[in-house]
Amino acid sequence: MDTTEESYLDLFPLDAIVYLTPDSENVLEDIDANKVYVLGGLVDESIHKKLTLQRAQEQSLQTARLPIREYMVKTTNTKNYHSETLAINQVFDVLSTYYETRSWPAALRAGVSSGKGYVLPDAAK
């Protein structure tokens, strides 16, 4: 891993950047080795709806969200809490597991905790 203080906007062509945001209408179906995925757009204790989507749109970037709704189901919980917003390490776990297995169910199992209010259909039974 390399780190730099330079902006991803200066390092990569705009058409190669995909900004991951839970508010995107586009579902990430596969990882493209020719794309650069931006995760962790915000480090904040509170959730600001659509802020990362707005930032990506202002920068004319493609956006995508993890396929949580497509592969997982809402589970009944006492707080009626359901969130597709994940911490940076959870998104990284999902992406790295998917890259290794090419299985969204395995990847989502690795990165989405049950505390988010979503489970895989086989776990809901």
C-alpha atoms as a PDB file:
ATOM      1  CA  MET A   1       0.000   0.000   0.000  1.00  0.00           C
ATOM      2  CA  ASP A   2       1.255   3.460  -0.849  1.00  0.00           C
ATOM      3  CA  THR A   3       0.148   6.617   0.925  1.00  0.00           C
ATOM      4  CA  THR A   4       0.293  10.153  -0.331  1.00  0.00           C
ATOM      5  CA  GLU A   5      -1.109  13.527   0.548  1.00  0.00           C
ATOM      6  CA  GLU A   6      -2.061  14.079  -3.094  1.00  0.00           C
ATOM      7  CA  SER A   7      -5.728  13.981  -4.009  1.00  0.00           C
ATOM      8  CA  TYR A   8      -7.100  10.985  -5.891  1.00  0.00           C
ATOM      9  CA  LEU A   9      -8.419  13.585  -8.346  1.00  0.00           C
ATOM     10  CA  ASP A  10      -4.814  14.478  -9.237  1.00  0.00           C
ATOM     11  CA  LEU A  11      -3.552  10.894  -9.352  1.00  0.00           C
ATOM     12  CA  PHE A  12      -6.118   9.127 -11.529  1.00  0.00           C
ATOM     13  CA  PRO A  13      -8.268   9.926 -14.573  1.00  0.00           C
ATOM     14  CA  LEU A  14     -11.784  10.913 -13.536  1.00  0.00           C
ATOM     15  CA  ASP A  15     -13.335   8.141 -15.623  1.00  0.00           C
ATOM     16  CA  ALA A  16     -11.308   5.539 -13.684  1.00  0.00           C
ATOM     17  CA  ILE A  17     -12.569   6.622 -10.249  1.00  0.00           C
ATOM     18  CA  VAL A  18     -15.608   5.032  -8.616  1.00  0.00           C
ATOM     19  CA  TYR A  19     -16.723   6.693  -5.399  1.00  0.00           C
ATOM     20  CA  LEU A  20     -18.391   4.174  -3.108  1.00  0.00           C
ATOM     21  CA  THR A  21     -21.371   5.643  -1.299  1.00  0.00           C
ATOM     22  CA  PRO A  22     -24.404   3.925   0.228  1.00  0.00           C
ATOM     23  CA  ASP A  23     -26.602   6.573  -1.426  1.00  0.00           C
ATOM     24  CA  SER A  24     -25.692   5.661  -5.018  1.00  0.00           C
ATOM     25  CA  GLU A  25     -28.357   4.291  -7.350  1.00  0.00           C
ATOM     26  CA  ASN A  26     -25.654   2.177  -9.049  1.00  0.00           C
ATOM     27  CA  VAL A  27     -24.930  -1.250  -7.620  1.00  0.00           C
ATOM     28  CA  LEU A  28     -21.346  -2.490  -7.587  1.00  0.00           C
ATOM     29  CA  GLU A  29     -21.687  -5.785  -9.431  1.00  0.00           C
ATOM     30  CA  ASP A  30     -18.014  -6.618  -9.893  1.00  0.00           C
ATOM     31  CA  ILE A  31     -14.608  -5.155  -9.146  1.00  0.00           C
ATOM     32  CA  ASP A  32     -12.885  -3.819 -12.242  1.00  0.00           C
ATOM     33  CA  ALA A  33      -9.072  -3.915 -12.001  1.00  0.00           C
ATOM     34  CA  ASN A  34      -8.936  -0.841 -14.260  1.00  0.00           C
ATOM     35  CA  LYS A  35     -10.946   1.255 -11.790  1.00  0.00           C
ATOM     36  CA  VAL A  36      -9.911   3.047  -8.615  1.00  0.00           C
ATOM     37  CA  TYR A  37     -12.403   2.703  -5.777  1.00  0.00           C
ATOM     38  CA  VAL A  38     -12.663   5.498  -3.240  1.00  0.00           C
ATOM     39  CA  LEU A  39     -13.899   4.352   0.159  1.00  0.00           C
ATOM     40  CA  GLY A  40     -13.964   6.161   3.419  1.00  0.00           C
ATOM     41  CA  GLY A  41     -15.051   9.415   1.874  1.00  0.00           C
ATOM     42  CA  LEU A  42     -16.028  10.641   5.334  1.00  0.00           C
ATOM     43  CA  VAL A  43     -14.676   9.937   8.742  1.00  0.00           C
ATOM     44  CA  ASP A  44     -17.427  11.135  11.004  1.00  0.00           C
ATOM     45  CA  GLU A  45     -19.308   9.922  14.046  1.00  0.00           C
ATOM     46  CA  SER A  46     -22.679  10.849  12.576  1.00  0.00           C
ATOM     47  CA  ILE A  47     -24.314   9.916   9.305  1.00  0.00           C
ATOM     48  CA  HIS A  48     -24.949  12.756   6.875  1.00  0.00           C
ATOM     49  CA  LYS A  49     -27.353  11.396   4.267  1.00  0.00           C
ATOM     50  CA  LYS A  50     -26.209  11.839   0.672  1.00  0.00           C
ATOM     51  CA  LEU A  51     -23.109  13.888   1.571  1.00  0.00           C
ATOM     52  CA  THR A  52     -20.713  11.445  -0.100  1.00  0.00           C
ATOM     53  CA  LEU A  53     -23.003  11.163  -3.124  1.00  0.00           C
ATOM     54  CA  GLN A  54     -23.127  14.944  -3.406  1.00  0.00           C
ATOM     55  CA  ARG A  55     -19.327  15.175  -3.156  1.00  0.00           C
ATOM     56  CA  ALA A  56     -18.880  12.587  -5.909  1.00  0.00           C
ATOM     57  CA  GLN A  57     -21.389  14.364  -8.147  1.00  0.00           C
ATOM     58  CA  GLU A  58     -19.638  17.706  -7.600  1.00  0.00           C
ATOM     59  CA  GLN A  59     -16.395  16.031  -8.734  1.00  0.00           C
ATOM     60  CA  SER A  60     -18.115  14.385 -11.748  1.00  0.00           C
ATOM     61  CA  LEU A  61     -17.236  10.903 -10.496  1.00  0.00           C
ATOM     62  CA  GLN A  62     -18.973   7.584 -11.028  1.00  0.00           C
ATOM     63  CA  THR A  63     -20.618   6.212  -7.911  1.00  0.00           C
ATOM     64  CA  ALA A  64     -21.627   2.775  -6.712  1.00  0.00           C
ATOM     65  CA  ARG A  65     -22.921   1.120  -3.576  1.00  0.00           C
ATOM     66  CA  LEU A  66     -22.322  -2.333  -2.186  1.00  0.00           C
ATOM     67  CA  PRO A  67     -25.066  -4.830  -3.148  1.00  0.00           C
ATOM     68  CA  ILE A  68     -26.440  -5.144   0.381  1.00  0.00           C
ATOM     69  CA  ARG A  69     -30.106  -4.845  -0.671  1.00  0.00           C
ATOM     70  CA  GLU A  70     -29.593  -7.324  -3.475  1.00  0.00           C
ATOM     71  CA  TYR A  71     -28.085 -10.113  -1.353  1.00  0.00           C
ATOM     72  CA  MET A  72     -29.262  -9.447   2.191  1.00  0.00           C
ATOM     73  CA  VAL A  73     -32.605  -9.100   3.936  1.00  0.00           C
ATOM     74  CA  LYS A  74     -33.694  -6.871   6.763  1.00  0.00           C
ATOM     75  CA  THR A  75     -33.805  -8.668  10.051  1.00  0.00           C
ATOM     76  CA  THR A  76     -36.222  -7.983  12.850  1.00  0.00           C
ATOM     77  CA  ASN A  77     -34.538  -6.197  15.710  1.00  0.00           C
ATOM     78  CA  THR A  78     -35.675  -4.343  18.795  1.00  0.00           C
ATOM     79  CA  LYS A  79     -34.665  -0.916  17.525  1.00  0.00           C
ATOM     80  CA  ASN A  80     -36.035  -1.435  13.995  1.00  0.00           C
ATOM     81  CA  TYR A  81     -32.591  -0.283  12.858  1.00  0.00           C
ATOM     82  CA  HIS A  82     -31.321  -0.921   9.331  1.00  0.00           C
ATOM     83  CA  SER A  83     -28.272   0.800   7.853  1.00  0.00           C
ATOM     84  CA  GLU A  84     -26.231   0.269   4.717  1.00  0.00           C
ATOM     85  CA  THR A  85     -23.586   2.707   5.940  1.00  0.00           C
ATOM     86  CA  LEU A  86     -20.457   0.807   6.905  1.00  0.00           C
ATOM     87  CA  ALA A  87     -17.170   1.756   8.538  1.00  0.00           C
ATOM     88  CA  ILE A  88     -14.090   1.941   6.327  1.00  0.00           C
ATOM     89  CA  ASN A  89     -12.711  -1.355   7.648  1.00  0.00           C
ATOM     90  CA  GLN A  90     -16.039  -3.091   6.950  1.00  0.00           C
ATOM     91  CA  VAL A  91     -16.099  -1.852   3.339  1.00  0.00           C
ATOM     92  CA  PHE A  92     -12.486  -2.952   2.935  1.00  0.00           C
ATOM     93  CA  ASP A  93     -13.337  -6.405   4.334  1.00  0.00           C
ATOM     94  CA  VAL A  94     -16.270  -6.735   1.928  1.00  0.00           C
ATOM     95  CA  LEU A  95     -14.213  -5.671  -1.101  1.00  0.00           C
ATOM     96  CA  SER A  96     -11.158  -7.773  -0.287  1.00  0.00           C
ATOM     97  CA  THR A  97     -13.266 -10.866   0.428  1.00  0.00           C
ATOM     98  CA  TYR A  98     -15.216 -10.358  -2.799  1.00  0.00           C
ATOM     99  CA  TYR A  99     -11.959  -9.930  -4.736  1.00  0.00           C
ATOM    100  CA  GLU A 100     -10.673 -13.239  -3.334  1.00  0.00           C
ATOM    101  CA  THR A 101     -13.902 -15.274  -3.567  1.00  0.00           C
ATOM    102  CA  ARG A 102     -15.963 -13.564  -6.283  1.00  0.00           C
ATOM    103  CA  SER A 103     -18.923 -14.226  -3.984  1.00  0.00           C
ATOM    104  CA  TRP A 104     -21.034 -11.323  -2.743  1.00  0.00           C
ATOM    105  CA  PRO A 105     -22.722 -13.452  -0.062  1.00  0.00           C
ATOM    106  CA  ALA A 106     -19.312 -14.469   1.345  1.00  0.00           C
ATOM    107  CA  ALA A 107     -18.062 -10.896   1.122  1.00  0.00           C
ATOM    108  CA  LEU A 108     -21.109  -9.400   2.807  1.00  0.00           C
ATOM    109  CA  ARG A 109     -20.963 -12.045   5.529  1.00  0.00           C
ATOM    110  CA  ALA A 110     -17.357 -10.971   6.179  1.00  0.00           C
ATOM    111  CA  GLY A 111     -18.040  -7.249   6.393  1.00  0.00           C
ATOM    112  CA  VAL A 112     -21.639  -6.497   7.346  1.00  0.00           C
ATOM    113  CA  SER A 113     -22.287  -7.111  11.034  1.00  0.00           C
ATOM    114  CA  SER A 114     -25.732  -8.216  12.145  1.00  0.00           C
ATOM    115  CA  GLY A 115     -25.928  -4.979  14.128  1.00  0.00           C
ATOM    116  CA  LYS A 116     -26.588  -3.186  10.828  1.00  0.00           C
ATOM    117  CA  GLY A 117     -29.972  -4.917  10.666  1.00  0.00           C
ATOM    118  CA  TYR A 118     -29.203  -6.971   7.549  1.00  0.00           C
ATOM    119  CA  VAL A 119     -28.445 -10.671   7.252  1.00  0.00           C
ATOM    120  CA  LEU A 120     -28.061 -13.145   4.432  1.00  0.00           C
ATOM    121  CA  PRO A 121     -31.349 -14.942   3.683  1.00  0.00           C
ATOM    122  CA  ASP A 122     -30.048 -18.278   5.013  1.00  0.00           C
ATOM    123  CA  ALA A 123     -29.188 -16.609   8.353  1.00  0.00           C
ATOM    124  CA  ALA A 124     -32.685 -15.108   8.675  1.00  0.00           C
ATOM    125  CA  LYS A 125     -34.299 -18.518   9.145  1.00  0.00           C
END
